[in-house]
Amino acid sequence: MAQAVRHNPVSLLLDDSKAHPLESSLAAVTVLLGVIAFATAFSGGLHVLSAWTGLAGIVTGAWGQFISATTGERFALIIGLGGAAFGFYLGMAHGGLLG
């Protein structure tokens, strides 16, 4: 008989059943910055916000990749890095970091 398995969404990052607070925090911050950079990249008037959040997302994502401990963290970091890099690229194309 098949039974439904309920997963905690945070457990997707922790596939070795150990706590990694720094690594998980960097993954969450990178995804958040990537979403902000990606969302603001399409508006030319928000290019400064897009460029700075993209740059911060790239830096936090790169550091998170360097110290990540699990595959789930690396997956979230790559998704966040992609959004941050896209936002940074379009922010730079629309006017750069300083306007």
PDB file of N, CA and C in Angstrom:
ATOM      1  N   MET A   1       0.844  -1.162   0.000  1.00  0.00           N
ATOM      2  CA  MET A   1       0.000   0.000   0.000  1.00  0.00           C
ATOM      3  C   MET A   1       0.898   1.236   0.000  1.00  0.00           C
ATOM      4  N   ALA A   2       0.622   2.129  -0.897  1.00  0.00           N
ATOM      5  CA  ALA A   2       1.405   3.363  -0.980  1.00  0.00           C
ATOM      6  C   ALA A   2       0.937   4.336   0.093  1.00  0.00           C
ATOM      7  N   GLN A   3       1.893   4.965   0.719  1.00  0.00           N
ATOM      8  CA  GLN A   3       1.564   5.938   1.749  1.00  0.00           C
ATOM      9  C   GLN A   3       2.207   7.264   1.406  1.00  0.00           C
ATOM     10  N   ALA A   4       1.507   8.318   1.760  1.00  0.00           N
ATOM     11  CA  ALA A   4       2.028   9.660   1.494  1.00  0.00           C
ATOM     12  C   ALA A   4       3.150   9.974   2.476  1.00  0.00           C
ATOM     13  N   VAL A   5       4.198  10.513   1.947  1.00  0.00           N
ATOM     14  CA  VAL A   5       5.329  10.905   2.775  1.00  0.00           C
ATOM     15  C   VAL A   5       5.353  12.418   2.840  1.00  0.00           C
ATOM     16  N   ARG A   6       5.401  12.943   4.029  1.00  0.00           N
ATOM     17  CA  ARG A   6       5.442  14.388   4.201  1.00  0.00           C
ATOM     18  C   ARG A   6       6.868  14.813   4.495  1.00  0.00           C
ATOM     19  N   HIS A   7       7.320  15.764   3.724  1.00  0.00           N
ATOM     20  CA  HIS A   7       8.682  16.269   3.895  1.00  0.00           C
ATOM     21  C   HIS A   7       8.644  17.690   4.402  1.00  0.00           C
ATOM     22  N   ASN A   8       9.591  18.009   5.217  1.00  0.00           N
ATOM     23  CA  ASN A   8       9.803  19.384   5.647  1.00  0.00           C
ATOM     24  C   ASN A   8      10.573  20.084   4.525  1.00  0.00           C
ATOM     25  N   PRO A   9      10.134  21.257   4.055  1.00  0.00           N
ATOM     26  CA  PRO A   9      10.846  21.917   2.955  1.00  0.00           C
ATOM     27  C   PRO A   9      12.314  22.211   3.271  1.00  0.00           C
ATOM     28  N   VAL A  10      12.626  22.453   4.528  1.00  0.00           N
ATOM     29  CA  VAL A  10      14.016  22.722   4.903  1.00  0.00           C
ATOM     30  C   VAL A  10      14.851  21.460   4.770  1.00  0.00           C
ATOM     31  N   SER A  11      14.232  20.288   4.892  1.00  0.00           N
ATOM     32  CA  SER A  11      14.986  19.044   4.818  1.00  0.00           C
ATOM     33  C   SER A  11      15.552  18.800   3.419  1.00  0.00           C
ATOM     34  N   LEU A  12      15.052  19.513   2.420  1.00  0.00           N
ATOM     35  CA  LEU A  12      15.619  19.378   1.082  1.00  0.00           C
ATOM     36  C   LEU A  12      17.041  19.915   1.033  1.00  0.00           C
ATOM     37  N   LEU A  13      17.348  20.889   1.888  1.00  0.00           N
ATOM     38  CA  LEU A  13      18.707  21.423   1.945  1.00  0.00           C
ATOM     39  C   LEU A  13      19.620  20.553   2.787  1.00  0.00           C
ATOM     40  N   LEU A  14      19.057  19.815   3.720  1.00  0.00           N
ATOM     41  CA  LEU A  14      19.854  19.051   4.675  1.00  0.00           C
ATOM     42  C   LEU A  14      19.721  17.564   4.398  1.00  0.00           C
ATOM     43  N   ASP A  15      20.327  17.081   3.329  1.00  0.00           N
ATOM     44  CA  ASP A  15      20.172  15.680   2.995  1.00  0.00           C
ATOM     45  C   ASP A  15      21.155  14.774   3.726  1.00  0.00           C
ATOM     46  N   ASP A  16      21.970  15.320   4.627  1.00  0.00           N
ATOM     47  CA  ASP A  16      22.827  14.479   5.449  1.00  0.00           C
ATOM     48  C   ASP A  16      22.370  14.471   6.909  1.00  0.00           C
ATOM     49  N   SER A  17      21.205  15.047   7.197  1.00  0.00           N
ATOM     50  CA  SER A  17      20.577  15.071   8.527  1.00  0.00           C
ATOM     51  C   SER A  17      21.409  15.778   9.590  1.00  0.00           C
ATOM     52  N   LYS A  18      22.289  16.654   9.186  1.00  0.00           N
ATOM     53  CA  LYS A  18      23.069  17.460  10.130  1.00  0.00           C
ATOM     54  C   LYS A  18      22.722  18.922   9.916  1.00  0.00           C
ATOM     55  N   ALA A  19      22.825  19.707  10.947  1.00  0.00           N
ATOM     56  CA  ALA A  19      22.530  21.136  10.845  1.00  0.00           C
ATOM     57  C   ALA A  19      23.723  21.872  10.236  1.00  0.00           C
ATOM     58  N   HIS A  20      23.435  22.712   9.261  1.00  0.00           N
ATOM     59  CA  HIS A  20      24.452  23.559   8.641  1.00  0.00           C
ATOM     60  C   HIS A  20      23.889  24.976   8.602  1.00  0.00           C
ATOM     61  N   PRO A  21      23.880  25.676   9.740  1.00  0.00           N
ATOM     62  CA  PRO A  21      23.201  26.980   9.765  1.00  0.00           C
ATOM     63  C   PRO A  21      23.837  28.024   8.857  1.00  0.00           C
ATOM     64  N   LEU A  22      25.141  28.089   8.787  1.00  0.00           N
ATOM     65  CA  LEU A  22      25.794  29.087   7.937  1.00  0.00           C
ATOM     66  C   LEU A  22      25.547  28.792   6.465  1.00  0.00           C
ATOM     67  N   GLU A  23      25.723  27.542   6.086  1.00  0.00           N
ATOM     68  CA  GLU A  23      25.544  27.175   4.689  1.00  0.00           C
ATOM     69  C   GLU A  23      24.097  27.347   4.236  1.00  0.00           C
ATOM     70  N   SER A  24      23.161  26.960   5.091  1.00  0.00           N
ATOM     71  CA  SER A  24      21.743  27.119   4.751  1.00  0.00           C
ATOM     72  C   SER A  24      21.353  28.596   4.692  1.00  0.00           C
ATOM     73  N   SER A  25      21.914  29.403   5.582  1.00  0.00           N
ATOM     74  CA  SER A  25      21.637  30.841   5.556  1.00  0.00           C
ATOM     75  C   SER A  25      22.175  31.482   4.288  1.00  0.00           C
ATOM     76  N   LEU A  26      23.371  31.107   3.881  1.00  0.00           N
ATOM     77  CA  LEU A  26      23.922  31.651   2.635  1.00  0.00           C
ATOM     78  C   LEU A  26      23.080  31.238   1.433  1.00  0.00           C
ATOM     79  N   ALA A  27      22.585  30.018   1.435  1.00  0.00           N
ATOM     80  CA  ALA A  27      21.727  29.564   0.336  1.00  0.00           C
ATOM     81  C   ALA A  27      20.432  30.370   0.305  1.00  0.00           C
ATOM     82  N   ALA A  28      19.832  30.591   1.466  1.00  0.00           N
ATOM     83  CA  ALA A  28      18.576  31.353   1.524  1.00  0.00           C
ATOM     84  C   ALA A  28      18.787  32.805   1.113  1.00  0.00           C
ATOM     85  N   VAL A  29      19.865  33.416   1.571  1.00  0.00           N
ATOM     86  CA  VAL A  29      20.154  34.811   1.208  1.00  0.00           C
ATOM     87  C   VAL A  29      20.441  34.922  -0.283  1.00  0.00           C
ATOM     88  N   THR A  30      21.168  33.959  -0.832  1.00  0.00           N
ATOM     89  CA  THR A  30      21.470  33.987  -2.266  1.00  0.00           C
ATOM     90  C   THR A  30      20.202  33.862  -3.093  1.00  0.00           C
ATOM     91  N   VAL A  31      19.299  32.973  -2.699  1.00  0.00           N
ATOM     92  CA  VAL A  31      18.037  32.823  -3.432  1.00  0.00           C
ATOM     93  C   VAL A  31      17.210  34.102  -3.322  1.00  0.00           C
ATOM     94  N   LEU A  32      17.149  34.688  -2.137  1.00  0.00           N
ATOM     95  CA  LEU A  32      16.397  35.934  -1.956  1.00  0.00           C
ATOM     96  C   LEU A  32      16.980  37.061  -2.810  1.00  0.00           C
ATOM     97  N   LEU A  33      18.290  37.227  -2.780  1.00  0.00           N
ATOM     98  CA  LEU A  33      18.918  38.271  -3.598  1.00  0.00           C
ATOM     99  C   LEU A  33      18.744  37.985  -5.092  1.00  0.00           C
ATOM    100  N   GLY A  34      18.796  36.717  -5.469  1.00  0.00           N
ATOM    101  CA  GLY A  34      18.588  36.350  -6.867  1.00  0.00           C
ATOM    102  C   GLY A  34      17.184  36.665  -7.348  1.00  0.00           C
ATOM    103  N   VAL A  35      16.202  36.413  -6.494  1.00  0.00           N
ATOM    104  CA  VAL A  35      14.811  36.722  -6.855  1.00  0.00           C
ATOM    105  C   VAL A  35      14.617  38.228  -6.987  1.00  0.00           C
ATOM    106  N   ILE A  36      15.167  38.995  -6.057  1.00  0.00           N
ATOM    107  CA  ILE A  36      15.038  40.457  -6.124  1.00  0.00           C
ATOM    108  C   ILE A  36      15.731  40.996  -7.369  1.00  0.00           C
ATOM    109  N   ALA A  37      16.950  40.532  -7.629  1.00  0.00           N
ATOM    110  CA  ALA A  37      17.689  41.008  -8.798  1.00  0.00           C
ATOM    111  C   ALA A  37      16.971  40.632 -10.090  1.00  0.00           C
ATOM    112  N   PHE A  38      16.460  39.414 -10.154  1.00  0.00           N
ATOM    113  CA  PHE A  38      15.759  38.966 -11.352  1.00  0.00           C
ATOM    114  C   PHE A  38      14.483  39.766 -11.569  1.00  0.00           C
ATOM    115  N   ALA A  39      13.729  40.004 -10.500  1.00  0.00           N
ATOM    116  CA  ALA A  39      12.448  40.715 -10.620  1.00  0.00           C
ATOM    117  C   ALA A  39      12.639  42.182 -10.990  1.00  0.00           C
ATOM    118  N   THR A  40      13.681  42.818 -10.476  1.00  0.00           N
ATOM    119  CA  THR A  40      13.893  44.238 -10.766  1.00  0.00           C
ATOM    120  C   THR A  40      14.695  44.465 -12.041  1.00  0.00           C
ATOM    121  N   ALA A  41      15.204  43.408 -12.638  1.00  0.00           N
ATOM    122  CA  ALA A  41      16.030  43.562 -13.845  1.00  0.00           C
ATOM    123  C   ALA A  41      15.220  44.039 -15.039  1.00  0.00           C
ATOM    124  N   PHE A  42      13.927  43.786 -15.058  1.00  0.00           N
ATOM    125  CA  PHE A  42      13.115  44.122 -16.214  1.00  0.00           C
ATOM    126  C   PHE A  42      12.662  45.575 -16.225  1.00  0.00           C
ATOM    127  N   SER A  43      12.864  46.288 -15.139  1.00  0.00           N
ATOM    128  CA  SER A  43      12.512  47.692 -15.078  1.00  0.00           C
ATOM    129  C   SER A  43      13.783  48.525 -15.212  1.00  0.00           C
ATOM    130  N   GLY A  44      13.836  49.354 -16.217  1.00  0.00           N
ATOM    131  CA  GLY A  44      15.028  50.178 -16.437  1.00  0.00           C
ATOM    132  C   GLY A  44      15.281  51.165 -15.321  1.00  0.00           C
ATOM    133  N   GLY A  45      14.234  51.608 -14.635  1.00  0.00           N
ATOM    134  CA  GLY A  45      14.397  52.572 -13.556  1.00  0.00           C
ATOM    135  C   GLY A  45      14.958  51.963 -12.280  1.00  0.00           C
ATOM    136  N   LEU A  46      14.936  50.649 -12.174  1.00  0.00           N
ATOM    137  CA  LEU A  46      15.440  49.978 -10.981  1.00  0.00           C
ATOM    138  C   LEU A  46      16.784  49.297 -11.242  1.00  0.00           C
ATOM    139  N   HIS A  47      17.525  49.808 -12.213  1.00  0.00           N
ATOM    140  CA  HIS A  47      18.773  49.153 -12.591  1.00  0.00           C
ATOM    141  C   HIS A  47      19.826  49.201 -11.486  1.00  0.00           C
ATOM    142  N   VAL A  48      19.811  50.248 -10.663  1.00  0.00           N
ATOM    143  CA  VAL A  48      20.791  50.330  -9.582  1.00  0.00           C
ATOM    144  C   VAL A  48      20.507  49.235  -8.547  1.00  0.00           C
ATOM    145  N   LEU A  49      19.234  49.064  -8.173  1.00  0.00           N
ATOM    146  CA  LEU A  49      18.861  48.008  -7.239  1.00  0.00           C
ATOM    147  C   LEU A  49      19.172  46.637  -7.820  1.00  0.00           C
ATOM    148  N   SER A  50      18.854  46.453  -9.076  1.00  0.00           N
ATOM    149  CA  SER A  50      19.104  45.175  -9.724  1.00  0.00           C
ATOM    150  C   SER A  50      20.596  44.859  -9.780  1.00  0.00           C
ATOM    151  N   ALA A  51      21.404  45.840 -10.117  1.00  0.00           N
ATOM    152  CA  ALA A  51      22.843  45.607 -10.226  1.00  0.00           C
ATOM    153  C   ALA A  51      23.469  45.312  -8.859  1.00  0.00           C
ATOM    154  N   TRP A  52      23.093  46.065  -7.833  1.00  0.00           N
ATOM    155  CA  TRP A  52      23.687  45.854  -6.506  1.00  0.00           C
ATOM    156  C   TRP A  52      23.218  44.551  -5.874  1.00  0.00           C
ATOM    157  N   THR A  53      21.921  44.219  -5.979  1.00  0.00           N
ATOM    158  CA  THR A  53      21.462  42.952  -5.415  1.00  0.00           C
ATOM    159  C   THR A  53      22.030  41.773  -6.203  1.00  0.00           C
ATOM    160  N   GLY A  54      22.188  41.956  -7.510  1.00  0.00           N
ATOM    161  CA  GLY A  54      22.818  40.906  -8.312  1.00  0.00           C
ATOM    162  C   GLY A  54      24.269  40.686  -7.919  1.00  0.00           C
ATOM    163  N   LEU A  55      24.989  41.774  -7.710  1.00  0.00           N
ATOM    164  CA  LEU A  55      26.392  41.646  -7.297  1.00  0.00           C
ATOM    165  C   LEU A  55      26.498  40.996  -5.921  1.00  0.00           C
ATOM    166  N   ALA A  56      25.649  41.411  -4.985  1.00  0.00           N
ATOM    167  CA  ALA A  56      25.663  40.809  -3.651  1.00  0.00           C
ATOM    168  C   ALA A  56      25.272  39.331  -3.717  1.00  0.00           C
ATOM    169  N   GLY A  57      24.312  38.995  -4.572  1.00  0.00           N
ATOM    170  CA  GLY A  57      23.910  37.603  -4.742  1.00  0.00           C
ATOM    171  C   GLY A  57      25.009  36.751  -5.345  1.00  0.00           C
ATOM    172  N   ILE A  58      25.759  37.318  -6.273  1.00  0.00           N
ATOM    173  CA  ILE A  58      26.873  36.588  -6.873  1.00  0.00           C
ATOM    174  C   ILE A  58      27.957  36.318  -5.834  1.00  0.00           C
ATOM    175  N   VAL A  59      28.258  37.316  -5.014  1.00  0.00           N
ATOM    176  CA  VAL A  59      29.301  37.147  -3.989  1.00  0.00           C
ATOM    177  C   VAL A  59      28.867  36.130  -2.935  1.00  0.00           C
ATOM    178  N   THR A  60      27.638  36.264  -2.411  1.00  0.00           N
ATOM    179  CA  THR A  60      27.180  35.314  -1.392  1.00  0.00           C
ATOM    180  C   THR A  60      27.022  33.909  -1.970  1.00  0.00           C
ATOM    181  N   GLY A  61      26.575  33.825  -3.214  1.00  0.00           N
ATOM    182  CA  GLY A  61      26.438  32.514  -3.844  1.00  0.00           C
ATOM    183  C   GLY A  61      27.770  31.842  -4.089  1.00  0.00           C
ATOM    184  N   ALA A  62      28.757  32.614  -4.503  1.00  0.00           N
ATOM    185  CA  ALA A  62      30.090  32.038  -4.721  1.00  0.00           C
ATOM    186  C   ALA A  62      30.694  31.558  -3.398  1.00  0.00           C
ATOM    187  N   TRP A  63      30.532  32.343  -2.352  1.00  0.00           N
ATOM    188  CA  TRP A  63      31.046  31.928  -1.052  1.00  0.00           C
ATOM    189  C   TRP A  63      30.273  30.703  -0.546  1.00  0.00           C
ATOM    190  N   GLY A  64      28.967  30.689  -0.759  1.00  0.00           N
ATOM    191  CA  GLY A  64      28.169  29.535  -0.360  1.00  0.00           C
ATOM    192  C   GLY A  64      28.566  28.273  -1.106  1.00  0.00           C
ATOM    193  N   GLN A  65      28.870  28.385  -2.383  1.00  0.00           N
ATOM    194  CA  GLN A  65      29.346  27.236  -3.149  1.00  0.00           C
ATOM    195  C   GLN A  65      30.674  26.730  -2.607  1.00  0.00           C
ATOM    196  N   PHE A  66      31.499  27.653  -2.167  1.00  0.00           N
ATOM    197  CA  PHE A  66      32.819  27.287  -1.659  1.00  0.00           C
ATOM    198  C   PHE A  66      32.712  26.470  -0.374  1.00  0.00           C
ATOM    199  N   ILE A  67      31.733  26.805   0.496  1.00  0.00           N
ATOM    200  CA  ILE A  67      31.651  26.131   1.788  1.00  0.00           C
ATOM    201  C   ILE A  67      30.446  25.206   1.917  1.00  0.00           C
ATOM    202  N   SER A  68      29.667  25.005   0.865  1.00  0.00           N
ATOM    203  CA  SER A  68      28.448  24.200   0.974  1.00  0.00           C
ATOM    204  C   SER A  68      28.787  22.749   1.322  1.00  0.00           C
ATOM    205  N   ALA A  69      27.847  22.124   2.032  1.00  0.00           N
ATOM    206  CA  ALA A  69      28.094  20.775   2.521  1.00  0.00           C
ATOM    207  C   ALA A  69      27.194  19.732   1.876  1.00  0.00           C
ATOM    208  N   THR A  70      26.051  20.138   1.327  1.00  0.00           N
ATOM    209  CA  THR A  70      25.113  19.157   0.777  1.00  0.00           C
ATOM    210  C   THR A  70      24.714  19.524  -0.651  1.00  0.00           C
ATOM    211  N   THR A  71      24.178  18.552  -1.344  1.00  0.00           N
ATOM    212  CA  THR A  71      23.735  18.755  -2.716  1.00  0.00           C
ATOM    213  C   THR A  71      22.544  19.709  -2.772  1.00  0.00           C
ATOM    214  N   GLY A  72      21.649  19.632  -1.795  1.00  0.00           N
ATOM    215  CA  GLY A  72      20.487  20.524  -1.762  1.00  0.00           C
ATOM    216  C   GLY A  72      20.892  21.978  -1.633  1.00  0.00           C
ATOM    217  N   GLU A  73      21.892  22.248  -0.810  1.00  0.00           N
ATOM    218  CA  GLU A  73      22.392  23.619  -0.686  1.00  0.00           C
ATOM    219  C   GLU A  73      23.005  24.096  -1.995  1.00  0.00           C
ATOM    220  N   ARG A  74      23.751  23.227  -2.641  1.00  0.00           N
ATOM    221  CA  ARG A  74      24.373  23.604  -3.919  1.00  0.00           C
ATOM    222  C   ARG A  74      23.321  23.876  -4.984  1.00  0.00           C
ATOM    223  N   PHE A  75      22.254  23.086  -4.987  1.00  0.00           N
ATOM    224  CA  PHE A  75      21.166  23.298  -5.946  1.00  0.00           C
ATOM    225  C   PHE A  75      20.522  24.665  -5.735  1.00  0.00           C
ATOM    226  N   ALA A  76      20.182  24.994  -4.487  1.00  0.00           N
ATOM    227  CA  ALA A  76      19.574  26.294  -4.191  1.00  0.00           C
ATOM    228  C   ALA A  76      20.534  27.429  -4.525  1.00  0.00           C
ATOM    229  N   LEU A  77      21.808  27.227  -4.258  1.00  0.00           N
ATOM    230  CA  LEU A  77      22.795  28.268  -4.565  1.00  0.00           C
ATOM    231  C   LEU A  77      22.900  28.516  -6.071  1.00  0.00           C
ATOM    232  N   ILE A  78      22.856  27.476  -6.861  1.00  0.00           N
ATOM    233  CA  ILE A  78      22.946  27.643  -8.316  1.00  0.00           C
ATOM    234  C   ILE A  78      21.720  28.368  -8.858  1.00  0.00           C
ATOM    235  N   ILE A  79      20.536  28.058  -8.326  1.00  0.00           N
ATOM    236  CA  ILE A  79      19.321  28.759  -8.751  1.00  0.00           C
ATOM    237  C   ILE A  79      19.427  30.240  -8.389  1.00  0.00           C
ATOM    238  N   GLY A  80      19.847  30.535  -7.163  1.00  0.00           N
ATOM    239  CA  GLY A  80      20.015  31.927  -6.738  1.00  0.00           C
ATOM    240  C   GLY A  80      21.093  32.648  -7.514  1.00  0.00           C
ATOM    241  N   LEU A  81      22.201  31.955  -7.784  1.00  0.00           N
ATOM    242  CA  LEU A  81      23.274  32.559  -8.568  1.00  0.00           C
ATOM    243  C   LEU A  81      22.820  32.896  -9.986  1.00  0.00           C
ATOM    244  N   GLY A  82      22.016  32.046 -10.580  1.00  0.00           N
ATOM    245  CA  GLY A  82      21.508  32.321 -11.926  1.00  0.00           C
ATOM    246  C   GLY A  82      20.647  33.570 -11.955  1.00  0.00           C
ATOM    247  N   GLY A  83      19.730  33.699 -11.005  1.00  0.00           N
ATOM    248  CA  GLY A  83      18.893  34.900 -10.935  1.00  0.00           C
ATOM    249  C   GLY A  83      19.697  36.151 -10.641  1.00  0.00           C
ATOM    250  N   ALA A  84      20.676  36.021  -9.735  1.00  0.00           N
ATOM    251  CA  ALA A  84      21.508  37.172  -9.384  1.00  0.00           C
ATOM    252  C   ALA A  84      22.372  37.607 -10.567  1.00  0.00           C
ATOM    253  N   ALA A  85      22.936  36.650 -11.273  1.00  0.00           N
ATOM    254  CA  ALA A  85      23.774  36.989 -12.421  1.00  0.00           C
ATOM    255  C   ALA A  85      22.950  37.630 -13.537  1.00  0.00           C
ATOM    256  N   PHE A  86      21.743  37.112 -13.768  1.00  0.00           N
ATOM    257  CA  PHE A  86      20.860  37.694 -14.777  1.00  0.00           C
ATOM    258  C   PHE A  86      20.497  39.127 -14.405  1.00  0.00           C
ATOM    259  N   GLY A  87      20.127  39.344 -13.137  1.00  0.00           N
ATOM    260  CA  GLY A  87      19.790  40.687 -12.676  1.00  0.00           C
ATOM    261  C   GLY A  87      20.979  41.626 -12.737  1.00  0.00           C
ATOM    262  N   PHE A  88      22.140  41.128 -12.373  1.00  0.00           N
ATOM    263  CA  PHE A  88      23.353  41.946 -12.440  1.00  0.00           C
ATOM    264  C   PHE A  88      23.666  42.330 -13.886  1.00  0.00           C
ATOM    265  N   TYR A  89      23.555  41.383 -14.786  1.00  0.00           N
ATOM    266  CA  TYR A  89      23.845  41.644 -16.197  1.00  0.00           C
ATOM    267  C   TYR A  89      22.902  42.706 -16.768  1.00  0.00           C
ATOM    268  N   LEU A  90      21.603  42.556 -16.548  1.00  0.00           N
ATOM    269  CA  LEU A  90      20.675  43.540 -17.094  1.00  0.00           C
ATOM    270  C   LEU A  90      20.775  44.885 -16.365  1.00  0.00           C
ATOM    271  N   GLY A  91      21.063  44.849 -15.063  1.00  0.00           N
ATOM    272  CA  GLY A  91      21.269  46.096 -14.335  1.00  0.00           C
ATOM    273  C   GLY A  91      22.461  46.866 -14.866  1.00  0.00           C
ATOM    274  N   MET A  92      23.513  46.156 -15.196  1.00  0.00           N
ATOM    275  CA  MET A  92      24.687  46.812 -15.779  1.00  0.00           C
ATOM    276  C   MET A  92      24.379  47.316 -17.191  1.00  0.00           C
ATOM    277  N   ALA A  93      23.587  46.559 -17.940  1.00  0.00           N
ATOM    278  CA  ALA A  93      23.246  46.993 -19.292  1.00  0.00           C
ATOM    279  C   ALA A  93      22.339  48.227 -19.304  1.00  0.00           C
ATOM    280  N   HIS A  94      21.544  48.386 -18.265  1.00  0.00           N
ATOM    281  CA  HIS A  94      20.621  49.530 -18.201  1.00  0.00           C
ATOM    282  C   HIS A  94      21.218  50.776 -17.581  1.00  0.00           C
ATOM    283  N   GLY A  95      22.426  50.694 -17.060  1.00  0.00           N
ATOM    284  CA  GLY A  95      23.022  51.918 -16.509  1.00  0.00           C
ATOM    285  C   GLY A  95      24.078  51.712 -15.458  1.00  0.00           C
ATOM    286  N   GLY A  96      24.242  50.511 -14.948  1.00  0.00           N
ATOM    287  CA  GLY A  96      25.342  50.247 -14.034  1.00  0.00           C
ATOM    288  C   GLY A  96      25.011  50.390 -12.567  1.00  0.00           C
ATOM    289  N   LEU A  97      26.049  50.312 -11.769  1.00  0.00           N
ATOM    290  CA  LEU A  97      25.918  50.313 -10.321  1.00  0.00           C
ATOM    291  C   LEU A  97      25.614  51.698  -9.744  1.00  0.00           C
ATOM    292  N   LEU A  98      26.069  52.719 -10.410  1.00  0.00           N
ATOM    293  CA  LEU A  98      25.932  54.075  -9.860  1.00  0.00           C
ATOM    294  C   LEU A  98      24.947  54.942 -10.628  1.00  0.00           C
ATOM    295  N   GLY A  99      24.359  54.415 -11.656  1.00  0.00           N
ATOM    296  CA  GLY A  99      23.323  55.149 -12.354  1.00  0.00           C
ATOM    297  C   GLY A  99      23.836  55.927 -13.493  1.00  0.00           C
TER     298      GLY A  99
END
